[in-house]
């Protein structure tokens, strides 16, 4: 069954639909959230908020699934919802600077000090190069690389055109190329 079919199954009163959906999506979605907030308790809270909203709005969301014209995809919808919650957190904590026109930048995203020295140096290089990039570019890169979403799925999750996501990923790759070359990072 697809994610959307599992949600429809849940909407018809079969709780195992939501259980299967949660088991299928929890690791990737939680990882997406955690890698943005770097705090397990906060990531848990945001994850719970996303699933609670999914459960309470199942009937409304199923209408999108049933709409033949929309071609609704649940996974990008959940990632977008999670991304919005993370943005709300950064905005409330003062770690998000807005430069207008919906362009947001993270103030800092320093690497975890428990990483090995080479990993920390590579992560610090990435942080320095990515910090000035808009938050949307970070999200596009994460969704297409770490979450293995297609450009089209990432575009749905971010609410932009597919070509925009492709351009954003190219911008990030160009920005981090010196780090990858200096530390001979192959993407693994």
C-alpha atoms as a PDB file:
ATOM      1  CA  UNK A   1       0.000   0.000   0.000  1.00  0.00           C
ATOM      2  CA  UNK A   2       1.127   3.543  -0.679  1.00  0.00           C
ATOM      3  CA  UNK A   3       1.401   6.112   2.116  1.00  0.00           C
ATOM      4  CA  UNK A   4      -1.751   7.756   0.830  1.00  0.00           C
ATOM      5  CA  UNK A   5      -3.652   4.447   0.797  1.00  0.00           C
ATOM      6  CA  UNK A   6      -2.591   3.779   4.400  1.00  0.00           C
ATOM      7  CA  UNK A   7      -3.956   7.179   5.407  1.00  0.00           C
ATOM      8  CA  UNK A   8      -7.221   6.433   3.614  1.00  0.00           C
ATOM      9  CA  UNK A   9      -7.332   3.070   5.386  1.00  0.00           C
ATOM     10  CA  UNK A  10      -6.929   4.867   8.731  1.00  0.00           C
ATOM     11  CA  UNK A  11      -9.656   7.343   7.781  1.00  0.00           C
ATOM     12  CA  UNK A  12     -12.016   4.397   7.271  1.00  0.00           C
ATOM     13  CA  UNK A  13     -11.491   3.383  10.899  1.00  0.00           C
ATOM     14  CA  UNK A  14      -8.579   0.958  10.600  1.00  0.00           C
ATOM     15  CA  UNK A  15      -5.964   2.074  13.131  1.00  0.00           C
ATOM     16  CA  UNK A  16      -3.347  -0.259  11.672  1.00  0.00           C
ATOM     17  CA  UNK A  17      -3.162   2.107   8.693  1.00  0.00           C
ATOM     18  CA  UNK A  18      -1.737   4.886  10.868  1.00  0.00           C
ATOM     19  CA  UNK A  19       0.524   2.437  12.712  1.00  0.00           C
ATOM     20  CA  UNK A  20       2.027   1.188   9.442  1.00  0.00           C
ATOM     21  CA  UNK A  21       2.359   4.744   8.141  1.00  0.00           C
ATOM     22  CA  UNK A  22       4.157   5.812  11.314  1.00  0.00           C
ATOM     23  CA  UNK A  23       6.531   2.840  11.205  1.00  0.00           C
ATOM     24  CA  UNK A  24       7.279   3.564   7.566  1.00  0.00           C
ATOM     25  CA  UNK A  25       7.968   7.289   7.931  1.00  0.00           C
ATOM     26  CA  UNK A  26       9.132   7.885  11.511  1.00  0.00           C
ATOM     27  CA  UNK A  27      12.883   7.387  11.050  1.00  0.00           C
ATOM     28  CA  UNK A  28      13.316   9.655   8.042  1.00  0.00           C
ATOM     29  CA  UNK A  29      10.997  12.366   9.347  1.00  0.00           C
ATOM     30  CA  UNK A  30      12.545  12.339  12.823  1.00  0.00           C
ATOM     31  CA  UNK A  31      16.033  12.473  11.318  1.00  0.00           C
ATOM     32  CA  UNK A  32      14.982  15.427   9.157  1.00  0.00           C
ATOM     33  CA  UNK A  33      13.727  17.286  12.238  1.00  0.00           C
ATOM     34  CA  UNK A  34      16.595  16.335  14.541  1.00  0.00           C
ATOM     35  CA  UNK A  35      19.262  17.363  12.037  1.00  0.00           C
ATOM     36  CA  UNK A  36      17.753  20.835  12.019  1.00  0.00           C
ATOM     37  CA  UNK A  37      17.251  21.388  15.741  1.00  0.00           C
ATOM     38  CA  UNK A  38      20.040  19.205  17.236  1.00  0.00           C
ATOM     39  CA  UNK A  39      17.952  18.603  20.355  1.00  0.00           C
ATOM     40  CA  UNK A  40      16.272  15.229  20.958  1.00  0.00           C
ATOM     41  CA  UNK A  41      13.531  16.592  23.240  1.00  0.00           C
ATOM     42  CA  UNK A  42      12.635  19.348  20.810  1.00  0.00           C
ATOM     43  CA  UNK A  43      12.745  16.924  17.878  1.00  0.00           C
ATOM     44  CA  UNK A  44      10.400  14.609  19.806  1.00  0.00           C
ATOM     45  CA  UNK A  45       8.005  17.513  20.458  1.00  0.00           C
ATOM     46  CA  UNK A  46       7.988  18.599  16.829  1.00  0.00           C
ATOM     47  CA  UNK A  47       7.550  15.004  15.644  1.00  0.00           C
ATOM     48  CA  UNK A  48       4.624  14.551  18.026  1.00  0.00           C
ATOM     49  CA  UNK A  49       3.104  17.815  16.826  1.00  0.00           C
ATOM     50  CA  UNK A  50       3.369  16.739  13.180  1.00  0.00           C
ATOM     51  CA  UNK A  51       1.748  13.332  13.838  1.00  0.00           C
ATOM     52  CA  UNK A  52      -0.959  14.853  16.032  1.00  0.00           C
ATOM     53  CA  UNK A  53      -1.833  17.286  13.274  1.00  0.00           C
ATOM     54  CA  UNK A  54      -1.860  14.463  10.727  1.00  0.00           C
ATOM     55  CA  UNK A  55      -4.242  12.451  12.903  1.00  0.00           C
ATOM     56  CA  UNK A  56      -6.582  15.350  13.656  1.00  0.00           C
ATOM     57  CA  UNK A  57      -6.666  16.487  10.037  1.00  0.00           C
ATOM     58  CA  UNK A  58      -6.855  13.051   8.396  1.00  0.00           C
ATOM     59  CA  UNK A  59     -10.310  13.598   6.925  1.00  0.00           C
ATOM     60  CA  UNK A  60      -9.290  16.925   5.354  1.00  0.00           C
ATOM     61  CA  UNK A  61      -6.035  15.458   4.021  1.00  0.00           C
ATOM     62  CA  UNK A  62      -7.812  12.405   2.569  1.00  0.00           C
ATOM     63  CA  UNK A  63      -9.893  14.837   0.494  1.00  0.00           C
ATOM     64  CA  UNK A  64      -6.628  15.950  -1.139  1.00  0.00           C
ATOM     65  CA  UNK A  65      -5.652  12.311  -1.692  1.00  0.00           C
ATOM     66  CA  UNK A  66      -9.021  11.605  -3.335  1.00  0.00           C
ATOM     67  CA  UNK A  67      -8.771  14.658  -5.626  1.00  0.00           C
ATOM     68  CA  UNK A  68      -7.649  13.262  -8.985  1.00  0.00           C
ATOM     69  CA  UNK A  69      -6.515  16.685 -10.193  1.00  0.00           C
ATOM     70  CA  UNK A  70      -4.160  17.426  -7.268  1.00  0.00           C
ATOM     71  CA  UNK A  71      -1.847  14.400  -7.380  1.00  0.00           C
ATOM     72  CA  UNK A  72      -1.315  14.792  -3.629  1.00  0.00           C
ATOM     73  CA  UNK A  73       1.705  13.134  -2.036  1.00  0.00           C
ATOM     74  CA  UNK A  74       1.675  12.640   1.740  1.00  0.00           C
ATOM     75  CA  UNK A  75       5.416  12.363   2.387  1.00  0.00           C
ATOM     76  CA  UNK A  76       6.351  15.823   1.027  1.00  0.00           C
ATOM     77  CA  UNK A  77       3.339  17.244   2.853  1.00  0.00           C
ATOM     78  CA  UNK A  78       4.610  15.877   6.189  1.00  0.00           C
ATOM     79  CA  UNK A  79       8.150  17.111   5.554  1.00  0.00           C
ATOM     80  CA  UNK A  80       6.823  20.548   4.707  1.00  0.00           C
ATOM     81  CA  UNK A  81       4.767  20.557   7.900  1.00  0.00           C
ATOM     82  CA  UNK A  82       7.842  19.507   9.901  1.00  0.00           C
ATOM     83  CA  UNK A  83       9.962  22.135   8.169  1.00  0.00           C
ATOM     84  CA  UNK A  84       7.406  24.789   9.069  1.00  0.00           C
ATOM     85  CA  UNK A  85       7.503  23.701  12.726  1.00  0.00           C
ATOM     86  CA  UNK A  86      11.308  23.885  12.744  1.00  0.00           C
ATOM     87  CA  UNK A  87      11.184  27.346  11.180  1.00  0.00           C
ATOM     88  CA  UNK A  88       8.682  28.413  13.850  1.00  0.00           C
ATOM     89  CA  UNK A  89      11.103  27.169  16.519  1.00  0.00           C
ATOM     90  CA  UNK A  90      14.051  29.081  15.041  1.00  0.00           C
ATOM     91  CA  UNK A  91      11.963  32.209  14.655  1.00  0.00           C
ATOM     92  CA  UNK A  92      10.768  32.013  18.281  1.00  0.00           C
ATOM     93  CA  UNK A  93      14.287  31.334  19.598  1.00  0.00           C
ATOM     94  CA  UNK A  94      15.816  34.232  17.680  1.00  0.00           C
ATOM     95  CA  UNK A  95      18.127  31.958  15.651  1.00  0.00           C
ATOM     96  CA  UNK A  96      16.436  32.788  12.370  1.00  0.00           C
ATOM     97  CA  UNK A  97      17.187  36.042  10.656  1.00  0.00           C
ATOM     98  CA  UNK A  98      14.739  37.194   8.051  1.00  0.00           C
ATOM     99  CA  UNK A  99      15.916  39.456   5.280  1.00  0.00           C
ATOM    100  CA  UNK A 100      12.443  39.912   3.820  1.00  0.00           C
ATOM    101  CA  UNK A 101      10.809  38.326   0.792  1.00  0.00           C
ATOM    102  CA  UNK A 102      10.566  34.996   2.654  1.00  0.00           C
ATOM    103  CA  UNK A 103      14.370  34.637   2.713  1.00  0.00           C
ATOM    104  CA  UNK A 104      15.573  33.203   6.011  1.00  0.00           C
ATOM    105  CA  UNK A 105      19.087  32.460   7.211  1.00  0.00           C
ATOM    106  CA  UNK A 106      20.201  30.437  10.205  1.00  0.00           C
ATOM    107  CA  UNK A 107      22.419  32.409  12.547  1.00  0.00           C
ATOM    108  CA  UNK A 108      24.583  29.371  13.360  1.00  0.00           C
ATOM    109  CA  UNK A 109      24.500  25.648  12.897  1.00  0.00           C
ATOM    110  CA  UNK A 110      27.766  24.549  14.505  1.00  0.00           C
ATOM    111  CA  UNK A 111      28.804  20.887  14.292  1.00  0.00           C
ATOM    112  CA  UNK A 112      28.491  18.470  17.191  1.00  0.00           C
ATOM    113  CA  UNK A 113      31.683  18.603  19.298  1.00  0.00           C
ATOM    114  CA  UNK A 114      31.641  14.808  19.814  1.00  0.00           C
ATOM    115  CA  UNK A 115      32.507  14.169  16.160  1.00  0.00           C
ATOM    116  CA  UNK A 116      36.047  13.159  15.195  1.00  0.00           C
ATOM    117  CA  UNK A 117      38.456  16.022  14.453  1.00  0.00           C
ATOM    118  CA  UNK A 118      38.324  15.510  10.674  1.00  0.00           C
ATOM    119  CA  UNK A 119      34.541  15.223  10.764  1.00  0.00           C
ATOM    120  CA  UNK A 120      34.338  18.382  12.892  1.00  0.00           C
ATOM    121  CA  UNK A 121      36.656  20.292  10.561  1.00  0.00           C
ATOM    122  CA  UNK A 122      34.662  19.130   7.531  1.00  0.00           C
ATOM    123  CA  UNK A 123      31.373  19.991   9.275  1.00  0.00           C
ATOM    124  CA  UNK A 124      32.739  23.390  10.288  1.00  0.00           C
ATOM    125  CA  UNK A 125      33.803  24.040   6.680  1.00  0.00           C
ATOM    126  CA  UNK A 126      30.303  23.098   5.518  1.00  0.00           C
ATOM    127  CA  UNK A 127      28.726  25.295   8.199  1.00  0.00           C
ATOM    128  CA  UNK A 128      30.854  28.297   7.158  1.00  0.00           C
ATOM    129  CA  UNK A 129      29.978  27.845   3.502  1.00  0.00           C
ATOM    130  CA  UNK A 130      26.284  27.066   4.014  1.00  0.00           C
ATOM    131  CA  UNK A 131      25.516  29.662   6.715  1.00  0.00           C
ATOM    132  CA  UNK A 132      24.994  32.521   4.250  1.00  0.00           C
ATOM    133  CA  UNK A 133      22.696  30.405   2.074  1.00  0.00           C
ATOM    134  CA  UNK A 134      18.962  30.764   2.453  1.00  0.00           C
ATOM    135  CA  UNK A 135      17.240  28.196   4.669  1.00  0.00           C
ATOM    136  CA  UNK A 136      15.235  26.924   1.688  1.00  0.00           C
ATOM    137  CA  UNK A 137      18.489  25.887  -0.012  1.00  0.00           C
ATOM    138  CA  UNK A 138      19.491  23.876   3.079  1.00  0.00           C
ATOM    139  CA  UNK A 139      16.096  22.149   3.068  1.00  0.00           C
ATOM    140  CA  UNK A 140      16.186  21.373  -0.658  1.00  0.00           C
ATOM    141  CA  UNK A 141      19.646  19.873  -0.319  1.00  0.00           C
ATOM    142  CA  UNK A 142      18.669  17.787   2.726  1.00  0.00           C
ATOM    143  CA  UNK A 143      15.479  16.447   1.174  1.00  0.00           C
ATOM    144  CA  UNK A 144      17.131  15.410  -2.084  1.00  0.00           C
ATOM    145  CA  UNK A 145      20.322  14.017  -0.583  1.00  0.00           C
ATOM    146  CA  UNK A 146      19.660  12.636   2.884  1.00  0.00           C
ATOM    147  CA  UNK A 147      15.960  11.874   2.501  1.00  0.00           C
ATOM    148  CA  UNK A 148      16.360  10.580  -1.075  1.00  0.00           C
ATOM    149  CA  UNK A 149      13.390  12.548  -2.351  1.00  0.00           C
ATOM    150  CA  UNK A 150      13.154  13.273  -6.035  1.00  0.00           C
ATOM    151  CA  UNK A 151      13.379  16.904  -7.080  1.00  0.00           C
ATOM    152  CA  UNK A 152       9.632  16.813  -7.704  1.00  0.00           C
ATOM    153  CA  UNK A 153       8.889  15.450  -4.207  1.00  0.00           C
ATOM    154  CA  UNK A 154      11.189  18.027  -2.621  1.00  0.00           C
ATOM    155  CA  UNK A 155       9.476  20.751  -4.654  1.00  0.00           C
ATOM    156  CA  UNK A 156       6.103  19.614  -3.289  1.00  0.00           C
ATOM    157  CA  UNK A 157       7.492  19.572   0.256  1.00  0.00           C
ATOM    158  CA  UNK A 158       8.903  23.082  -0.117  1.00  0.00           C
ATOM    159  CA  UNK A 159       6.031  24.522  -2.144  1.00  0.00           C
ATOM    160  CA  UNK A 160       8.174  25.567  -5.116  1.00  0.00           C
ATOM    161  CA  UNK A 161       8.768  24.512  -8.717  1.00  0.00           C
ATOM    162  CA  UNK A 162      10.900  21.457  -9.478  1.00  0.00           C
ATOM    163  CA  UNK A 163      13.392  23.566 -11.432  1.00  0.00           C
ATOM    164  CA  UNK A 164      13.790  25.820  -8.389  1.00  0.00           C
ATOM    165  CA  UNK A 165      14.796  22.843  -6.251  1.00  0.00           C
ATOM    166  CA  UNK A 166      17.309  21.746  -8.889  1.00  0.00           C
ATOM    167  CA  UNK A 167      18.791  25.247  -8.938  1.00  0.00           C
ATOM    168  CA  UNK A 168      18.960  25.410  -5.128  1.00  0.00           C
ATOM    169  CA  UNK A 169      20.749  22.052  -4.900  1.00  0.00           C
ATOM    170  CA  UNK A 170      23.242  23.211  -7.535  1.00  0.00           C
ATOM    171  CA  UNK A 171      23.872  26.378  -5.496  1.00  0.00           C
ATOM    172  CA  UNK A 172      24.569  24.333  -2.355  1.00  0.00           C
ATOM    173  CA  UNK A 173      26.862  21.923  -4.209  1.00  0.00           C
ATOM    174  CA  UNK A 174      28.778  24.864  -5.653  1.00  0.00           C
ATOM    175  CA  UNK A 175      29.072  26.466  -2.196  1.00  0.00           C
ATOM    176  CA  UNK A 176      30.379  23.304  -0.510  1.00  0.00           C
ATOM    177  CA  UNK A 177      32.646  22.118  -3.349  1.00  0.00           C
ATOM    178  CA  UNK A 178      35.794  23.553  -1.692  1.00  0.00           C
ATOM    179  CA  UNK A 179      35.037  21.592   1.505  1.00  0.00           C
ATOM    180  CA  UNK A 180      34.477  18.388  -0.415  1.00  0.00           C
ATOM    181  CA  UNK A 181      37.752  18.891  -2.308  1.00  0.00           C
ATOM    182  CA  UNK A 182      39.799  19.879   0.763  1.00  0.00           C
ATOM    183  CA  UNK A 183      38.599  16.933   2.842  1.00  0.00           C
ATOM    184  CA  UNK A 184      38.223  14.565  -0.104  1.00  0.00           C
ATOM    185  CA  UNK A 185      34.647  13.902   0.907  1.00  0.00           C
ATOM    186  CA  UNK A 186      32.912  11.501  -1.463  1.00  0.00           C
ATOM    187  CA  UNK A 187      29.381  11.825  -0.057  1.00  0.00           C
ATOM    188  CA  UNK A 188      29.411   8.665   2.085  1.00  0.00           C
END
